[in-house]
């Protein structure tokens, strides 16, 4: 019997259907979200002070925007990607900006997801050997996802301006 395939509505990843429930936080298939859960186990147990989990979370959030994803998730994810990619922030610094943003503003614009998803997905990251190679792939994921959001980058840069020295 042929196994059915499910397509993630966020990143377009095709995965064997395991009949996982779709997440309520991200515009993703349950199967893709399960991969993110596996990556989160790696990133949260990482132990390095730069907090690479924030990079993975922001990549996944931006790449899985639309649908059930709240506008605050998309906005915070994009601001995080910008701060890492163009301003050299660490994940820990981005986390601090996110906390300040949460205290300063209560509504966020609905940012339309790009038509094409980034060529790097959570699966690519997980398929990379754990350690420095995987961490480098997470940073490549940041670059790839940020590059797909050119239509929203002016808004993101303006929103992040107060947090750049």
N, C-alpha and C. Protein backbone atom coordinates (compact mmCIF):
# COMPACT_ATOMS: atom_id res chain seq x y z
N UNK A 1 0.84 -1.19 0.00
CA UNK A 1 0.00 0.00 0.00
C UNK A 1 0.88 1.25 0.00
N UNK A 2 0.53 2.18 -0.83
CA UNK A 2 1.29 3.42 -0.97
C UNK A 2 1.00 4.34 0.22
N UNK A 3 2.08 4.87 0.83
CA UNK A 3 1.92 5.78 1.96
C UNK A 3 1.54 7.16 1.45
N UNK A 4 0.61 7.81 2.13
CA UNK A 4 0.21 9.15 1.72
C UNK A 4 1.24 10.17 2.19
N UNK A 5 1.27 11.27 1.47
CA UNK A 5 2.22 12.36 1.73
C UNK A 5 1.43 13.59 2.14
N UNK A 6 1.98 14.34 3.08
CA UNK A 6 1.37 15.59 3.50
C UNK A 6 2.33 16.73 3.14
N UNK A 7 1.77 17.82 2.64
CA UNK A 7 2.57 19.00 2.29
C UNK A 7 2.38 20.06 3.37
N UNK A 8 3.49 20.54 3.91
CA UNK A 8 3.42 21.60 4.91
C UNK A 8 2.96 22.89 4.23
N UNK A 9 1.91 23.53 4.75
CA UNK A 9 1.43 24.77 4.13
C UNK A 9 2.37 25.95 4.32
N UNK A 10 3.30 25.85 5.27
CA UNK A 10 4.23 26.95 5.51
C UNK A 10 5.46 26.88 4.63
N UNK A 11 6.19 25.77 4.72
CA UNK A 11 7.47 25.67 4.00
C UNK A 11 7.40 24.81 2.75
N UNK A 12 6.29 24.11 2.55
CA UNK A 12 6.13 23.29 1.36
C UNK A 12 6.77 21.92 1.46
N UNK A 13 7.34 21.59 2.60
CA UNK A 13 8.00 20.30 2.79
C UNK A 13 7.01 19.16 2.63
N UNK A 14 7.41 18.14 1.87
CA UNK A 14 6.59 16.95 1.67
C UNK A 14 7.10 15.85 2.60
N UNK A 15 6.21 15.35 3.45
CA UNK A 15 6.58 14.35 4.44
C UNK A 15 5.56 13.22 4.47
N UNK A 16 5.99 12.02 4.86
CA UNK A 16 5.03 10.93 5.01
C UNK A 16 3.96 11.31 6.04
N UNK A 17 2.72 11.05 5.70
CA UNK A 17 1.61 11.40 6.58
C UNK A 17 1.61 10.48 7.79
N UNK A 18 1.81 11.07 8.95
CA UNK A 18 1.77 10.32 10.21
C UNK A 18 0.51 10.69 11.00
N UNK A 19 -0.34 11.49 10.39
CA UNK A 19 -1.63 11.88 10.97
C UNK A 19 -1.47 12.65 12.28
N UNK A 20 -0.41 13.46 12.35
CA UNK A 20 -0.24 14.34 13.50
C UNK A 20 -1.21 15.51 13.37
N UNK A 21 -1.68 16.00 14.49
CA UNK A 21 -2.56 17.17 14.49
C UNK A 21 -1.77 18.39 14.05
N UNK A 22 -2.45 19.28 13.32
CA UNK A 22 -1.80 20.53 12.92
C UNK A 22 -1.60 21.40 14.16
N UNK A 23 -0.49 22.10 14.24
CA UNK A 23 -0.25 22.95 15.41
C UNK A 23 -1.18 24.16 15.43
N UNK A 24 -1.41 24.68 16.61
CA UNK A 24 -2.27 25.86 16.75
C UNK A 24 -1.47 27.15 16.73
N UNK A 25 -0.14 27.05 16.75
CA UNK A 25 0.70 28.25 16.78
C UNK A 25 1.29 28.62 15.42
N UNK A 26 1.54 27.62 14.59
CA UNK A 26 2.21 27.85 13.31
C UNK A 26 1.38 27.31 12.15
N UNK A 27 1.51 27.94 10.99
CA UNK A 27 0.87 27.49 9.75
C UNK A 27 1.73 26.36 9.19
N UNK A 28 1.58 25.18 9.77
CA UNK A 28 2.45 24.05 9.45
C UNK A 28 1.67 22.75 9.52
N UNK A 29 2.20 21.74 8.86
CA UNK A 29 1.63 20.40 9.04
C UNK A 29 2.10 19.87 10.39
N UNK A 30 1.37 18.94 10.93
CA UNK A 30 1.79 18.32 12.18
C UNK A 30 3.12 17.61 12.04
N UNK A 31 3.36 17.05 10.86
CA UNK A 31 4.61 16.34 10.60
C UNK A 31 5.80 17.29 10.58
N UNK A 32 5.63 18.45 9.96
CA UNK A 32 6.70 19.45 9.95
C UNK A 32 6.92 20.00 11.35
N UNK A 33 5.84 20.23 12.07
CA UNK A 33 5.96 20.74 13.43
C UNK A 33 6.69 19.73 14.33
N UNK A 34 6.49 18.45 14.08
CA UNK A 34 7.21 17.42 14.84
C UNK A 34 8.71 17.53 14.60
N UNK A 35 9.11 17.82 13.37
CA UNK A 35 10.53 18.04 13.08
C UNK A 35 11.05 19.24 13.87
N UNK A 36 10.24 20.30 13.93
CA UNK A 36 10.66 21.47 14.70
C UNK A 36 10.79 21.11 16.18
N UNK A 37 9.89 20.28 16.70
CA UNK A 37 10.01 19.84 18.09
C UNK A 37 11.32 19.10 18.32
N UNK A 38 11.71 18.27 17.37
CA UNK A 38 12.98 17.55 17.47
C UNK A 38 14.16 18.52 17.45
N UNK A 39 14.09 19.51 16.57
CA UNK A 39 15.16 20.52 16.52
C UNK A 39 15.19 21.32 17.82
N UNK A 40 14.03 21.63 18.36
CA UNK A 40 13.96 22.39 19.61
C UNK A 40 14.63 21.64 20.76
N UNK A 41 14.50 20.33 20.77
CA UNK A 41 15.20 19.55 21.79
C UNK A 41 16.70 19.78 21.68
N UNK A 42 17.21 19.78 20.46
CA UNK A 42 18.64 20.03 20.23
C UNK A 42 19.02 21.45 20.66
N UNK A 43 18.25 22.45 20.19
CA UNK A 43 18.65 23.84 20.42
C UNK A 43 18.49 24.26 21.88
N UNK A 44 17.46 23.75 22.56
CA UNK A 44 17.27 24.16 23.96
C UNK A 44 18.25 23.46 24.90
N UNK A 45 18.80 22.34 24.48
CA UNK A 45 19.80 21.66 25.31
C UNK A 45 21.22 22.03 24.91
N UNK A 46 21.35 22.98 24.02
CA UNK A 46 22.63 23.40 23.45
C UNK A 46 23.60 23.89 24.51
N UNK A 47 23.13 24.76 25.39
CA UNK A 47 23.96 25.22 26.49
C UNK A 47 24.91 26.36 26.21
N UNK A 48 24.99 26.83 24.98
CA UNK A 48 25.90 27.95 24.69
C UNK A 48 25.19 29.27 24.98
N UNK A 49 25.93 30.28 25.43
CA UNK A 49 25.30 31.54 25.84
C UNK A 49 24.63 32.33 24.72
N UNK A 50 24.98 32.07 23.46
CA UNK A 50 24.35 32.85 22.38
C UNK A 50 22.91 32.43 22.11
N UNK A 51 22.43 31.35 22.72
CA UNK A 51 21.03 30.91 22.66
C UNK A 51 20.54 30.73 21.22
N UNK A 52 21.08 29.71 20.57
CA UNK A 52 20.76 29.43 19.17
C UNK A 52 19.31 29.02 18.97
N UNK A 53 18.65 28.61 20.04
CA UNK A 53 17.23 28.24 19.93
C UNK A 53 16.41 29.40 19.39
N UNK A 54 16.75 30.63 19.78
CA UNK A 54 15.99 31.79 19.31
C UNK A 54 16.06 31.92 17.80
N UNK A 55 17.22 31.61 17.22
CA UNK A 55 17.36 31.67 15.76
C UNK A 55 16.45 30.65 15.09
N UNK A 56 16.44 29.43 15.61
CA UNK A 56 15.60 28.37 15.04
C UNK A 56 14.12 28.71 15.19
N UNK A 57 13.75 29.23 16.34
CA UNK A 57 12.35 29.60 16.59
C UNK A 57 11.91 30.71 15.64
N UNK A 58 12.75 31.71 15.44
CA UNK A 58 12.39 32.80 14.54
C UNK A 58 12.35 32.35 13.08
N UNK A 59 13.26 31.47 12.69
CA UNK A 59 13.20 30.92 11.32
C UNK A 59 11.90 30.17 11.11
N UNK A 60 11.58 29.29 12.03
CA UNK A 60 10.38 28.47 11.88
C UNK A 60 9.14 29.36 11.90
N UNK A 61 9.10 30.33 12.80
CA UNK A 61 7.95 31.23 12.88
C UNK A 61 7.74 32.03 11.61
N UNK A 62 8.81 32.57 11.05
CA UNK A 62 8.69 33.36 9.82
C UNK A 62 8.35 32.48 8.63
N UNK A 63 8.92 31.29 8.58
CA UNK A 63 8.67 30.39 7.46
C UNK A 63 7.29 29.75 7.52
N UNK A 64 6.67 29.77 8.69
CA UNK A 64 5.35 29.15 8.87
C UNK A 64 4.32 30.19 9.30
N UNK A 65 4.38 31.36 8.66
CA UNK A 65 3.43 32.44 8.91
C UNK A 65 2.20 32.26 8.03
N UNK A 66 1.15 32.99 8.38
CA UNK A 66 -0.12 32.85 7.67
C UNK A 66 -1.00 31.87 8.43
N UNK A 67 -2.18 31.65 7.94
CA UNK A 67 -3.09 30.70 8.60
C UNK A 67 -3.32 31.04 10.06
N UNK A 68 -3.06 30.09 10.95
CA UNK A 68 -3.30 30.28 12.39
C UNK A 68 -2.23 31.10 13.08
N UNK A 69 -1.13 31.39 12.40
CA UNK A 69 -0.03 32.11 13.04
C UNK A 69 -0.45 33.53 13.38
N UNK A 70 -0.23 33.91 14.63
CA UNK A 70 -0.59 35.26 15.08
C UNK A 70 0.38 36.28 14.50
N UNK A 71 -0.13 37.49 14.30
CA UNK A 71 0.69 38.55 13.72
C UNK A 71 1.91 38.87 14.59
N UNK A 72 1.78 38.75 15.90
CA UNK A 72 2.92 39.00 16.79
C UNK A 72 4.04 37.99 16.54
N UNK A 73 3.67 36.75 16.25
CA UNK A 73 4.67 35.71 15.98
C UNK A 73 5.47 36.05 14.73
N UNK A 74 4.76 36.44 13.68
CA UNK A 74 5.44 36.81 12.43
C UNK A 74 6.33 38.03 12.64
N UNK A 75 5.80 39.06 13.29
CA UNK A 75 6.56 40.28 13.51
C UNK A 75 7.82 40.01 14.34
N UNK A 76 7.66 39.32 15.46
CA UNK A 76 8.81 39.02 16.31
C UNK A 76 9.83 38.16 15.57
N UNK A 77 9.35 37.18 14.82
CA UNK A 77 10.26 36.31 14.07
C UNK A 77 11.08 37.10 13.06
N UNK A 78 10.43 37.98 12.32
CA UNK A 78 11.14 38.77 11.32
C UNK A 78 12.10 39.76 11.94
N UNK A 79 11.69 40.38 13.03
CA UNK A 79 12.60 41.30 13.72
C UNK A 79 13.83 40.53 14.21
N UNK A 80 13.61 39.35 14.74
CA UNK A 80 14.73 38.52 15.19
C UNK A 80 15.67 38.15 14.05
N UNK A 81 15.10 37.74 12.92
CA UNK A 81 15.94 37.38 11.78
C UNK A 81 16.76 38.57 11.30
N UNK A 82 16.13 39.73 11.22
CA UNK A 82 16.84 40.95 10.80
C UNK A 82 17.99 41.27 11.75
N UNK A 83 17.71 41.23 13.04
CA UNK A 83 18.74 41.57 14.02
C UNK A 83 19.93 40.62 13.95
N UNK A 84 19.67 39.36 13.69
CA UNK A 84 20.76 38.38 13.56
C UNK A 84 21.48 38.56 12.23
N UNK A 85 20.72 38.59 11.16
CA UNK A 85 21.30 38.59 9.81
C UNK A 85 22.01 39.89 9.46
N UNK A 86 21.42 41.02 9.80
CA UNK A 86 22.00 42.29 9.35
C UNK A 86 22.66 43.11 10.45
N UNK A 87 22.36 42.79 11.70
CA UNK A 87 22.92 43.57 12.80
C UNK A 87 23.87 42.77 13.69
N UNK A 88 24.00 41.47 13.43
CA UNK A 88 24.96 40.65 14.16
C UNK A 88 24.56 40.30 15.59
N UNK A 89 23.27 40.38 15.90
CA UNK A 89 22.82 40.04 17.25
C UNK A 89 22.92 38.53 17.48
N UNK A 90 23.08 38.16 18.74
CA UNK A 90 22.99 36.75 19.13
C UNK A 90 21.53 36.42 19.44
N UNK A 91 21.25 35.15 19.56
CA UNK A 91 19.90 34.74 19.94
C UNK A 91 19.50 35.31 21.29
N UNK A 92 20.43 35.38 22.22
CA UNK A 92 20.15 35.94 23.55
C UNK A 92 19.78 37.41 23.45
N UNK A 93 20.50 38.16 22.62
CA UNK A 93 20.17 39.58 22.43
C UNK A 93 18.80 39.74 21.78
N UNK A 94 18.48 38.88 20.82
CA UNK A 94 17.16 38.92 20.18
C UNK A 94 16.07 38.62 21.21
N UNK A 95 16.31 37.65 22.06
CA UNK A 95 15.33 37.31 23.10
C UNK A 95 15.05 38.53 23.98
N UNK A 96 16.07 39.29 24.32
CA UNK A 96 15.90 40.49 25.13
C UNK A 96 15.09 41.55 24.39
N UNK A 97 15.34 41.70 23.08
CA UNK A 97 14.55 42.63 22.27
C UNK A 97 13.09 42.19 22.24
N UNK A 98 12.86 40.91 22.06
CA UNK A 98 11.48 40.40 22.05
C UNK A 98 10.76 40.72 23.35
N UNK A 99 11.45 40.58 24.47
CA UNK A 99 10.82 40.90 25.76
C UNK A 99 10.47 42.39 25.83
N UNK A 100 11.37 43.24 25.36
CA UNK A 100 11.10 44.68 25.36
C UNK A 100 9.96 45.02 24.40
N UNK A 101 9.93 44.39 23.25
CA UNK A 101 8.84 44.63 22.28
C UNK A 101 7.49 44.23 22.87
N UNK A 102 7.47 43.13 23.58
CA UNK A 102 6.23 42.66 24.19
C UNK A 102 5.66 43.64 25.20
N UNK A 103 6.54 44.39 25.84
CA UNK A 103 6.09 45.39 26.82
C UNK A 103 5.71 46.72 26.16
N UNK A 104 6.18 46.94 24.93
CA UNK A 104 6.02 48.27 24.34
C UNK A 104 4.87 48.42 23.35
N UNK A 105 4.34 47.33 22.85
CA UNK A 105 3.33 47.44 21.79
C UNK A 105 2.33 46.30 21.95
N UNK A 106 1.07 46.60 21.69
CA UNK A 106 0.06 45.56 21.88
C UNK A 106 -0.55 45.05 20.58
N UNK A 107 -0.35 45.75 19.47
CA UNK A 107 -0.90 45.26 18.21
C UNK A 107 0.21 45.24 17.15
N UNK A 108 0.07 44.29 16.23
CA UNK A 108 1.08 44.09 15.21
C UNK A 108 0.42 43.95 13.86
N UNK A 109 1.06 44.43 12.80
CA UNK A 109 0.44 44.34 11.47
C UNK A 109 0.39 42.89 10.98
N UNK A 110 -0.57 42.62 10.13
CA UNK A 110 -0.64 41.32 9.45
C UNK A 110 0.33 41.39 8.27
N UNK A 111 1.42 40.70 8.36
CA UNK A 111 2.42 40.69 7.29
C UNK A 111 2.17 39.47 6.41
N UNK A 112 1.99 39.71 5.13
CA UNK A 112 1.67 38.65 4.18
C UNK A 112 2.91 37.79 3.92
N UNK A 113 2.79 36.48 4.09
CA UNK A 113 3.94 35.61 3.83
C UNK A 113 4.38 35.70 2.36
N UNK A 114 5.66 35.44 2.11
CA UNK A 114 6.15 35.46 0.73
C UNK A 114 5.50 34.34 -0.09
N UNK A 115 5.47 34.55 -1.39
CA UNK A 115 4.89 33.53 -2.29
C UNK A 115 5.73 32.27 -2.33
N UNK A 116 7.03 32.43 -2.27
CA UNK A 116 7.95 31.29 -2.32
C UNK A 116 8.61 31.11 -0.96
N UNK A 117 8.67 29.88 -0.51
CA UNK A 117 9.32 29.59 0.75
C UNK A 117 10.83 29.53 0.56
N UNK A 118 11.55 29.69 1.63
CA UNK A 118 13.01 29.60 1.59
C UNK A 118 13.43 28.19 1.19
N UNK A 119 14.57 28.06 0.51
CA UNK A 119 15.03 26.74 0.08
C UNK A 119 15.56 25.87 1.22
N UNK A 120 15.74 26.43 2.39
CA UNK A 120 16.21 25.68 3.56
C UNK A 120 15.02 25.47 4.49
N UNK A 121 14.86 24.25 4.99
CA UNK A 121 13.76 23.94 5.90
C UNK A 121 14.30 23.32 7.18
N UNK A 122 13.41 23.12 8.13
CA UNK A 122 13.77 22.47 9.38
C UNK A 122 14.34 21.08 9.12
N UNK A 123 13.86 20.42 8.09
CA UNK A 123 14.38 19.08 7.77
C UNK A 123 15.85 19.16 7.34
N UNK A 124 16.21 20.17 6.57
CA UNK A 124 17.61 20.34 6.17
C UNK A 124 18.51 20.52 7.39
N UNK A 125 18.02 21.29 8.35
CA UNK A 125 18.79 21.53 9.57
C UNK A 125 18.97 20.22 10.34
N UNK A 126 17.88 19.48 10.52
CA UNK A 126 17.96 18.22 11.25
C UNK A 126 18.82 17.18 10.53
N UNK A 127 18.87 17.23 9.21
CA UNK A 127 19.67 16.28 8.45
C UNK A 127 21.16 16.60 8.48
N UNK A 128 21.52 17.72 9.09
CA UNK A 128 22.92 18.12 9.22
C UNK A 128 23.45 17.61 10.55
N UNK A 129 24.67 17.12 10.54
CA UNK A 129 25.27 16.55 11.75
C UNK A 129 25.22 17.54 12.91
N UNK A 130 24.81 17.04 14.07
CA UNK A 130 24.73 17.88 15.28
C UNK A 130 26.10 18.46 15.60
N UNK A 131 26.10 19.67 16.12
CA UNK A 131 27.34 20.35 16.47
C UNK A 131 27.52 21.58 15.60
N UNK A 132 28.77 21.91 15.32
CA UNK A 132 29.07 23.13 14.56
C UNK A 132 28.41 23.14 13.18
N UNK A 133 28.35 21.99 12.52
CA UNK A 133 27.74 21.94 11.18
C UNK A 133 26.25 22.27 11.26
N UNK A 134 25.55 21.73 12.24
CA UNK A 134 24.12 22.03 12.37
C UNK A 134 23.92 23.48 12.77
N UNK A 135 24.75 23.98 13.65
CA UNK A 135 24.63 25.39 14.05
C UNK A 135 24.84 26.30 12.85
N UNK A 136 25.80 25.95 11.98
CA UNK A 136 26.03 26.73 10.76
C UNK A 136 24.82 26.63 9.84
N UNK A 137 24.18 25.48 9.79
CA UNK A 137 22.98 25.32 8.96
C UNK A 137 21.83 26.16 9.51
N UNK A 138 21.73 26.29 10.82
CA UNK A 138 20.70 27.16 11.40
C UNK A 138 20.95 28.60 10.95
N UNK A 139 22.21 29.02 10.96
CA UNK A 139 22.52 30.38 10.51
C UNK A 139 22.23 30.54 9.01
N UNK A 140 22.47 29.49 8.22
CA UNK A 140 22.12 29.54 6.79
C UNK A 140 20.60 29.61 6.62
N UNK A 141 19.88 28.95 7.49
CA UNK A 141 18.41 29.00 7.48
C UNK A 141 17.94 30.43 7.75
N UNK A 142 18.58 31.10 8.72
CA UNK A 142 18.26 32.51 9.01
C UNK A 142 18.39 33.33 7.73
N UNK A 143 19.52 33.20 7.04
CA UNK A 143 19.76 33.97 5.82
C UNK A 143 18.71 33.67 4.75
N UNK A 144 18.41 32.40 4.57
CA UNK A 144 17.47 31.99 3.53
C UNK A 144 16.05 32.49 3.80
N UNK A 145 15.61 32.37 5.03
CA UNK A 145 14.25 32.81 5.36
C UNK A 145 14.16 34.33 5.28
N UNK A 146 15.13 35.04 5.84
CA UNK A 146 15.12 36.50 5.80
C UNK A 146 15.08 36.99 4.35
N UNK A 147 15.80 36.34 3.46
CA UNK A 147 15.85 36.76 2.06
C UNK A 147 14.50 36.64 1.36
N UNK A 148 13.62 35.79 1.83
CA UNK A 148 12.30 35.63 1.19
C UNK A 148 11.32 36.73 1.57
N UNK A 149 11.61 37.48 2.61
CA UNK A 149 10.68 38.49 3.12
C UNK A 149 11.04 39.91 2.66
N UNK A 150 11.57 40.08 1.46
CA UNK A 150 11.99 41.41 0.99
C UNK A 150 10.85 42.42 1.03
N UNK A 151 9.64 41.98 0.79
CA UNK A 151 8.48 42.88 0.75
C UNK A 151 8.14 43.46 2.13
N UNK A 152 8.64 42.88 3.21
CA UNK A 152 8.33 43.36 4.56
C UNK A 152 9.56 43.94 5.27
N UNK A 153 10.69 43.91 4.62
CA UNK A 153 11.93 44.30 5.30
C UNK A 153 11.97 45.76 5.72
N UNK A 154 11.38 46.67 4.97
CA UNK A 154 11.37 48.07 5.40
C UNK A 154 10.62 48.22 6.72
N UNK A 155 9.46 47.57 6.83
CA UNK A 155 8.69 47.64 8.08
C UNK A 155 9.51 47.06 9.23
N UNK A 156 10.14 45.92 9.00
CA UNK A 156 10.92 45.24 10.04
C UNK A 156 12.06 46.14 10.52
N UNK A 157 12.78 46.74 9.60
CA UNK A 157 13.91 47.59 9.96
C UNK A 157 13.44 48.80 10.77
N UNK A 158 12.31 49.35 10.41
CA UNK A 158 11.76 50.49 11.16
C UNK A 158 11.34 50.06 12.56
N UNK A 159 10.70 48.91 12.67
CA UNK A 159 10.25 48.40 13.97
C UNK A 159 11.43 48.08 14.89
N UNK A 160 12.54 47.66 14.31
CA UNK A 160 13.72 47.28 15.10
C UNK A 160 14.63 48.45 15.44
N UNK A 161 14.43 49.58 14.78
CA UNK A 161 15.33 50.73 14.93
C UNK A 161 15.61 51.13 16.39
N UNK A 162 14.61 51.17 17.27
CA UNK A 162 14.90 51.58 18.65
C UNK A 162 15.84 50.65 19.41
N UNK A 163 16.07 49.46 18.90
CA UNK A 163 16.88 48.47 19.62
C UNK A 163 18.29 48.33 19.05
N UNK A 164 18.60 49.16 18.06
CA UNK A 164 19.92 49.12 17.44
C UNK A 164 20.72 50.31 17.95
N UNK A 165 21.89 50.04 18.46
CA UNK A 165 22.73 51.09 19.04
C UNK A 165 23.41 51.89 17.96
